[in-house]
Structure formats: structure tokens, C-alpha cells
Amino acid sequence: MARFRRHRLPAGAQREFESGEHVAAWAPYESGYLIATNRGLWLPGRDRLGWHEIHKATWSGRELVVTPARLVREAGSAPDAPADVYADDEPLHFRLGDPGELPYQVRVRVTRSVAYSTHHELPNGGVRIVARRVPGRDGLSWELRYDEGTAVIGPDHDLVGELFAQARATASAS
């Protein structure tokens, strides 16, 4: 399939981009435009979602489904919490008649934002430890994603702390 680039936005799609932010792809949507930049995905009627704020994105060939991450608990809100805890927010569905390169750019950029990811089974569930690259910021942003039904604070808390420390050591060694 031939890919084409269309970086120049139509007049109705113009946004106030940050300094150094540039358009990678865009697609018209019924209520505006979806715009992928080097910093994130601009959605119609919403602010930009940074690539590190998108947990997953899928393309069916007609529909782009973007699942943002929702902050459940900040690391500083509990003693010894090793990282912020995130969960899936409500998926956002966009049926695109003329997607251009947008689905490809979204997939590549969300994937690139993940620097490290590992899943661990716990006695009472499971947890994924993830390090993400945040555009415009040095270093990695670490997060925890507990499996459905796993207690965020509970009997596995100390084990999660140990697994987190191992993950950071492994990621910094590579």
C-alpha cells in the first residue's frame, strides 16, 4: 500500500502548537480533525494526548480506537509507592473515511513511547511495570498497571516494590 504524506493542515484544522511541535499526519473526522504531532495526538474538541498518555491504539481498517491512560493514584499519595498507578480510561472511537498516514503514525509513536514493559504474576493478581518516554522531557516516566481485580494497595505491595526496583535496575543497565 502506498503511503503518502500530508503535513499541511487545512485551514479549519489549525491549532496552537508548542514550540518545536510539528505535524506528522492528520485525518478528517466528522467533528474536526485528528492530528498526530511529534508530541501527541490532538483530538477534536479536546486537548492533545501525549504519546505516553495513550495506553493502546488499534486500527481496524476503518476505525481508530484510542485508549487513554487514567491516573488512579500518584506515587506520592501513599508511603513507599514506587510509581504512579494507571488504568485504562474509556476507549475513544473514530471512524475515518480518509485516514491517510494517521493510523500508522499513531501506532509507531505509541509503540516508541514504551521504553520498557514487563508483566508479573502476583499471588493476588498481576501488575505491569512500564517505563515511557515523554516528549520534551529527559529520562523515563515509570508507571504501574494492575490487572483487573488486583488490589492497588494490599498484600502484594512489598513484592511490587521489589519487582519495580528490579525493573528500574534492568532498564538502566540496558
C-alpha atoms as a PDB file:
ATOM      1  CA  MET A   1       0.000   0.000   0.000  1.00  0.00           C
ATOM      2  CA  ALA A   2       1.495   3.324  -0.996  1.00  0.00           C
ATOM      3  CA  ARG A   3       1.803   5.807   1.824  1.00  0.00           C
ATOM      4  CA  PHE A   4       1.559   9.492   1.196  1.00  0.00           C
ATOM      5  CA  ARG A   5       2.441  12.385   3.400  1.00  0.00           C
ATOM      6  CA  ARG A   6       0.103  15.248   4.061  1.00  0.00           C
ATOM      7  CA  HIS A   7       1.575  17.542   6.634  1.00  0.00           C
ATOM      8  CA  ARG A   8      -0.075  20.814   5.654  1.00  0.00           C
ATOM      9  CA  LEU A   9      -3.225  21.187   7.710  1.00  0.00           C
ATOM     10  CA  PRO A  10      -6.444  22.526   6.212  1.00  0.00           C
ATOM     11  CA  ALA A  11      -7.442  25.986   7.454  1.00  0.00           C
ATOM     12  CA  GLY A  12     -10.092  24.523   9.790  1.00  0.00           C
ATOM     13  CA  ALA A  13      -7.598  22.218  11.482  1.00  0.00           C
ATOM     14  CA  GLN A  14      -5.047  24.809  12.625  1.00  0.00           C
ATOM     15  CA  ARG A  15      -4.022  24.571  16.291  1.00  0.00           C
ATOM     16  CA  GLU A  16      -1.731  26.409  18.664  1.00  0.00           C
ATOM     17  CA  PHE A  17       1.202  24.018  18.727  1.00  0.00           C
ATOM     18  CA  GLU A  18       4.045  24.183  21.221  1.00  0.00           C
ATOM     19  CA  SER A  19       7.421  25.424  20.121  1.00  0.00           C
ATOM     20  CA  GLY A  20       9.152  22.534  18.355  1.00  0.00           C
ATOM     21  CA  GLU A  21       5.902  20.615  17.784  1.00  0.00           C
ATOM     22  CA  HIS A  22       5.313  19.584  14.179  1.00  0.00           C
ATOM     23  CA  VAL A  23       2.615  17.696  12.312  1.00  0.00           C
ATOM     24  CA  ALA A  24       3.337  14.082  11.339  1.00  0.00           C
ATOM     25  CA  ALA A  25      -0.102  13.157   9.935  1.00  0.00           C
ATOM     26  CA  TRP A  26      -3.753  14.128  10.123  1.00  0.00           C
ATOM     27  CA  ALA A  27      -7.167  12.838   9.135  1.00  0.00           C
ATOM     28  CA  PRO A  28     -10.575  14.470   8.878  1.00  0.00           C
ATOM     29  CA  TYR A  29     -13.197  13.313  11.348  1.00  0.00           C
ATOM     30  CA  GLU A  30     -16.901  14.132  11.493  1.00  0.00           C
ATOM     31  CA  SER A  31     -16.434  16.869  14.087  1.00  0.00           C
ATOM     32  CA  GLY A  32     -12.995  18.143  13.160  1.00  0.00           C
ATOM     33  CA  TYR A  33      -9.563  16.608  12.643  1.00  0.00           C
ATOM     34  CA  LEU A  34      -7.289  14.124  14.371  1.00  0.00           C
ATOM     35  CA  ILE A  35      -3.737  15.442  14.224  1.00  0.00           C
ATOM     36  CA  ALA A  36      -0.614  13.456  15.092  1.00  0.00           C
ATOM     37  CA  THR A  37       2.420  15.509  16.015  1.00  0.00           C
ATOM     38  CA  ASN A  38       5.796  14.611  17.421  1.00  0.00           C
ATOM     39  CA  ARG A  39       4.323  15.365  20.890  1.00  0.00           C
ATOM     40  CA  GLY A  40       0.997  13.545  20.767  1.00  0.00           C
ATOM     41  CA  LEU A  41      -2.443  13.164  19.250  1.00  0.00           C
ATOM     42  CA  TRP A  42      -4.796  16.129  19.024  1.00  0.00           C
ATOM     43  CA  LEU A  43      -8.436  15.045  19.165  1.00  0.00           C
ATOM     44  CA  PRO A  44     -11.487  17.028  18.026  1.00  0.00           C
ATOM     45  CA  GLY A  45     -12.816  19.148  20.857  1.00  0.00           C
ATOM     46  CA  ARG A  46     -10.061  18.056  23.271  1.00  0.00           C
ATOM     47  CA  ASP A  47      -6.525  18.912  24.182  1.00  0.00           C
ATOM     48  CA  ARG A  48      -3.634  16.843  22.957  1.00  0.00           C
ATOM     49  CA  LEU A  49      -2.978  13.399  24.424  1.00  0.00           C
ATOM     50  CA  GLY A  50       0.764  12.857  24.739  1.00  0.00           C
ATOM     51  CA  TRP A  51       2.002   9.595  23.254  1.00  0.00           C
ATOM     52  CA  HIS A  52       2.881   8.474  26.797  1.00  0.00           C
ATOM     53  CA  GLU A  53      -0.754   9.085  27.828  1.00  0.00           C
ATOM     54  CA  ILE A  54      -2.155   6.587  25.324  1.00  0.00           C
ATOM     55  CA  HIS A  55      -2.225   3.063  26.707  1.00  0.00           C
ATOM     56  CA  LYS A  56      -3.128   1.463  23.410  1.00  0.00           C
ATOM     57  CA  ALA A  57      -4.409   2.252  19.944  1.00  0.00           C
ATOM     58  CA  THR A  58      -5.866  -0.101  17.351  1.00  0.00           C
ATOM     59  CA  TRP A  59      -6.806   0.336  13.708  1.00  0.00           C
ATOM     60  CA  SER A  60      -9.442  -1.905  12.122  1.00  0.00           C
ATOM     61  CA  GLY A  61      -9.047  -0.519   8.620  1.00  0.00           C
ATOM     62  CA  ARG A  62     -11.945   1.884   9.177  1.00  0.00           C
ATOM     63  CA  GLU A  63     -11.922   2.755  12.864  1.00  0.00           C
ATOM     64  CA  LEU A  64      -9.150   4.072  15.086  1.00  0.00           C
ATOM     65  CA  VAL A  65      -9.675   3.195  18.758  1.00  0.00           C
ATOM     66  CA  VAL A  66      -7.523   5.114  21.229  1.00  0.00           C
ATOM     67  CA  THR A  67      -7.457   4.040  24.883  1.00  0.00           C
ATOM     68  CA  PRO A  68      -6.056   6.798  27.077  1.00  0.00           C
ATOM     69  CA  ALA A  69      -4.417   6.071  30.405  1.00  0.00           C
ATOM     70  CA  ARG A  70      -6.214   7.336  33.522  1.00  0.00           C
ATOM     71  CA  LEU A  71      -4.248   8.208  36.657  1.00  0.00           C
ATOM     72  CA  VAL A  72      -5.554   6.095  39.548  1.00  0.00           C
ATOM     73  CA  ARG A  73      -3.028   7.013  42.239  1.00  0.00           C
ATOM     74  CA  GLU A  74       0.021   9.241  42.353  1.00  0.00           C
ATOM     75  CA  ALA A  75       3.254   7.810  43.737  1.00  0.00           C
ATOM     76  CA  GLY A  76       3.446  10.489  46.430  1.00  0.00           C
ATOM     77  CA  SER A  77      -0.058   9.742  47.745  1.00  0.00           C
ATOM     78  CA  ALA A  78       0.958   6.609  49.652  1.00  0.00           C
ATOM     79  CA  PRO A  79       4.052   5.711  51.646  1.00  0.00           C
ATOM     80  CA  ASP A  80       6.608   3.715  49.656  1.00  0.00           C
ATOM     81  CA  ALA A  81       4.538   3.842  46.452  1.00  0.00           C
ATOM     82  CA  PRO A  82       7.179   3.243  43.764  1.00  0.00           C
ATOM     83  CA  ALA A  83       5.369   4.836  40.811  1.00  0.00           C
ATOM     84  CA  ASP A  84       2.113   6.355  39.629  1.00  0.00           C
ATOM     85  CA  VAL A  85      -0.664   3.823  39.060  1.00  0.00           C
ATOM     86  CA  TYR A  86      -2.658   3.986  35.820  1.00  0.00           C
ATOM     87  CA  ALA A  87      -5.630   2.139  34.379  1.00  0.00           C
ATOM     88  CA  ASP A  88      -7.423   2.214  31.029  1.00  0.00           C
ATOM     89  CA  ASP A  89      -9.801   5.106  30.535  1.00  0.00           C
ATOM     90  CA  GLU A  90     -12.831   4.816  28.250  1.00  0.00           C
ATOM     91  CA  PRO A  91     -11.759   3.979  24.683  1.00  0.00           C
ATOM     92  CA  LEU A  92     -12.326   6.719  22.111  1.00  0.00           C
ATOM     93  CA  HIS A  93     -13.666   5.569  18.723  1.00  0.00           C
ATOM     94  CA  PHE A  94     -13.009   7.417  15.472  1.00  0.00           C
ATOM     95  CA  ARG A  95     -14.384   6.117  12.167  1.00  0.00           C
ATOM     96  CA  LEU A  96     -12.147   7.592   9.485  1.00  0.00           C
ATOM     97  CA  GLY A  97     -13.129   7.690   5.822  1.00  0.00           C
ATOM     98  CA  ASP A  98      -9.786   9.105   4.684  1.00  0.00           C
ATOM     99  CA  PRO A  99      -7.210   8.058   7.326  1.00  0.00           C
ATOM    100  CA  GLY A 100      -4.078   8.782   5.297  1.00  0.00           C
ATOM    101  CA  GLU A 101      -0.985   8.002   7.331  1.00  0.00           C
ATOM    102  CA  LEU A 102      -2.602   8.787  10.705  1.00  0.00           C
ATOM    103  CA  PRO A 103      -3.165   5.187  11.969  1.00  0.00           C
ATOM    104  CA  TYR A 104       0.414   4.266  11.065  1.00  0.00           C
ATOM    105  CA  GLN A 105       1.852   7.321  12.830  1.00  0.00           C
ATOM    106  CA  VAL A 106      -0.254   6.681  15.941  1.00  0.00           C
ATOM    107  CA  ARG A 107       0.897   3.052  16.156  1.00  0.00           C
ATOM    108  CA  VAL A 108       4.553   3.894  15.636  1.00  0.00           C
ATOM    109  CA  ARG A 109       4.583   6.769  18.105  1.00  0.00           C
ATOM    110  CA  VAL A 110       2.668   4.988  20.883  1.00  0.00           C
ATOM    111  CA  THR A 111       4.960   1.960  20.482  1.00  0.00           C
ATOM    112  CA  ARG A 112       8.082   4.158  20.516  1.00  0.00           C
ATOM    113  CA  SER A 113       6.968   5.804  23.747  1.00  0.00           C
ATOM    114  CA  VAL A 114       7.342   2.471  25.591  1.00  0.00           C
ATOM    115  CA  ALA A 115      10.963   2.071  26.662  1.00  0.00           C
ATOM    116  CA  TYR A 116      10.423  -0.904  28.970  1.00  0.00           C
ATOM    117  CA  SER A 117       7.478  -3.124  29.845  1.00  0.00           C
ATOM    118  CA  THR A 118       7.187  -6.303  31.844  1.00  0.00           C
ATOM    119  CA  HIS A 119       4.276  -8.182  33.417  1.00  0.00           C
ATOM    120  CA  HIS A 120       4.458 -10.041  36.719  1.00  0.00           C
ATOM    121  CA  GLU A 121       2.025 -12.507  38.205  1.00  0.00           C
ATOM    122  CA  LEU A 122       1.319 -11.764  41.865  1.00  0.00           C
ATOM    123  CA  PRO A 123      -0.214 -14.037  44.495  1.00  0.00           C
ATOM    124  CA  ASN A 124      -3.380 -11.905  44.303  1.00  0.00           C
ATOM    125  CA  GLY A 125      -3.396 -10.851  40.641  1.00  0.00           C
ATOM    126  CA  GLY A 126      -0.829  -9.214  38.385  1.00  0.00           C
ATOM    127  CA  VAL A 127       0.966  -5.982  37.579  1.00  0.00           C
ATOM    128  CA  ARG A 128       2.646  -4.484  34.515  1.00  0.00           C
ATOM    129  CA  ILE A 129       5.626  -2.218  35.123  1.00  0.00           C
ATOM    130  CA  VAL A 130       6.141   0.269  32.305  1.00  0.00           C
ATOM    131  CA  ALA A 131       8.695   2.975  31.544  1.00  0.00           C
ATOM    132  CA  ARG A 132       7.597   5.549  28.973  1.00  0.00           C
ATOM    133  CA  ARG A 133       9.431   8.230  27.042  1.00  0.00           C
ATOM    134  CA  VAL A 134       7.739  11.603  27.424  1.00  0.00           C
ATOM    135  CA  PRO A 135       8.260  14.004  24.506  1.00  0.00           C
ATOM    136  CA  GLY A 136      10.253  17.047  25.569  1.00  0.00           C
ATOM    137  CA  ARG A 137      11.406  15.529  28.867  1.00  0.00           C
ATOM    138  CA  ASP A 138      14.655  13.754  29.721  1.00  0.00           C
ATOM    139  CA  GLY A 139      14.579  10.363  31.391  1.00  0.00           C
ATOM    140  CA  LEU A 140      11.774   7.850  31.685  1.00  0.00           C
ATOM    141  CA  SER A 141       8.375   8.095  33.333  1.00  0.00           C
ATOM    142  CA  TRP A 142       7.593   4.928  35.295  1.00  0.00           C
ATOM    143  CA  GLU A 143       4.105   3.567  35.898  1.00  0.00           C
ATOM    144  CA  LEU A 144       2.287   0.574  37.287  1.00  0.00           C
ATOM    145  CA  ARG A 145      -0.771  -1.019  35.670  1.00  0.00           C
ATOM    146  CA  TYR A 146      -2.538  -3.553  37.830  1.00  0.00           C
ATOM    147  CA  ASP A 147      -4.548  -6.343  36.229  1.00  0.00           C
ATOM    148  CA  GLU A 148      -8.309  -6.131  36.586  1.00  0.00           C
ATOM    149  CA  GLY A 149      -9.304  -7.151  40.123  1.00  0.00           C
ATOM    150  CA  THR A 150      -5.811  -6.759  41.622  1.00  0.00           C
ATOM    151  CA  ALA A 151      -5.702  -4.545  44.721  1.00  0.00           C
ATOM    152  CA  VAL A 152      -3.533  -1.459  44.242  1.00  0.00           C
ATOM    153  CA  ILE A 153      -2.762  -1.365  47.957  1.00  0.00           C
ATOM    154  CA  GLY A 154      -2.784  -4.778  49.542  1.00  0.00           C
ATOM    155  CA  PRO A 155      -0.805  -7.835  50.478  1.00  0.00           C
ATOM    156  CA  ASP A 156       1.307  -7.705  47.295  1.00  0.00           C
ATOM    157  CA  HIS A 157       2.533  -4.130  47.919  1.00  0.00           C
ATOM    158  CA  ASP A 158       6.030  -5.071  49.142  1.00  0.00           C
ATOM    159  CA  LEU A 159       6.512  -7.574  46.308  1.00  0.00           C
ATOM    160  CA  VAL A 160       5.515  -4.921  43.746  1.00  0.00           C
ATOM    161  CA  GLY A 161       8.103  -2.575  45.263  1.00  0.00           C
ATOM    162  CA  GLU A 162      10.807  -5.230  44.848  1.00  0.00           C
ATOM    163  CA  LEU A 163       9.752  -6.000  41.265  1.00  0.00           C
ATOM    164  CA  PHE A 164       9.733  -2.300  40.473  1.00  0.00           C
ATOM    165  CA  ALA A 165      13.275  -1.847  41.819  1.00  0.00           C
ATOM    166  CA  GLN A 166      14.440  -4.808  39.713  1.00  0.00           C
ATOM    167  CA  ALA A 167      12.757  -3.370  36.604  1.00  0.00           C
ATOM    168  CA  ARG A 168      14.446   0.028  37.056  1.00  0.00           C
ATOM    169  CA  ALA A 169      17.834  -1.648  37.546  1.00  0.00           C
ATOM    170  CA  THR A 170      17.326  -3.794  34.439  1.00  0.00           C
ATOM    171  CA  ALA A 171      16.222  -0.835  32.310  1.00  0.00           C
ATOM    172  CA  SER A 172      19.115   1.345  33.410  1.00  0.00           C
ATOM    173  CA  ALA A 173      21.620  -1.448  32.706  1.00  0.00           C
ATOM    174  CA  SER A 174      20.488  -1.762  29.090  1.00  0.00           C
END
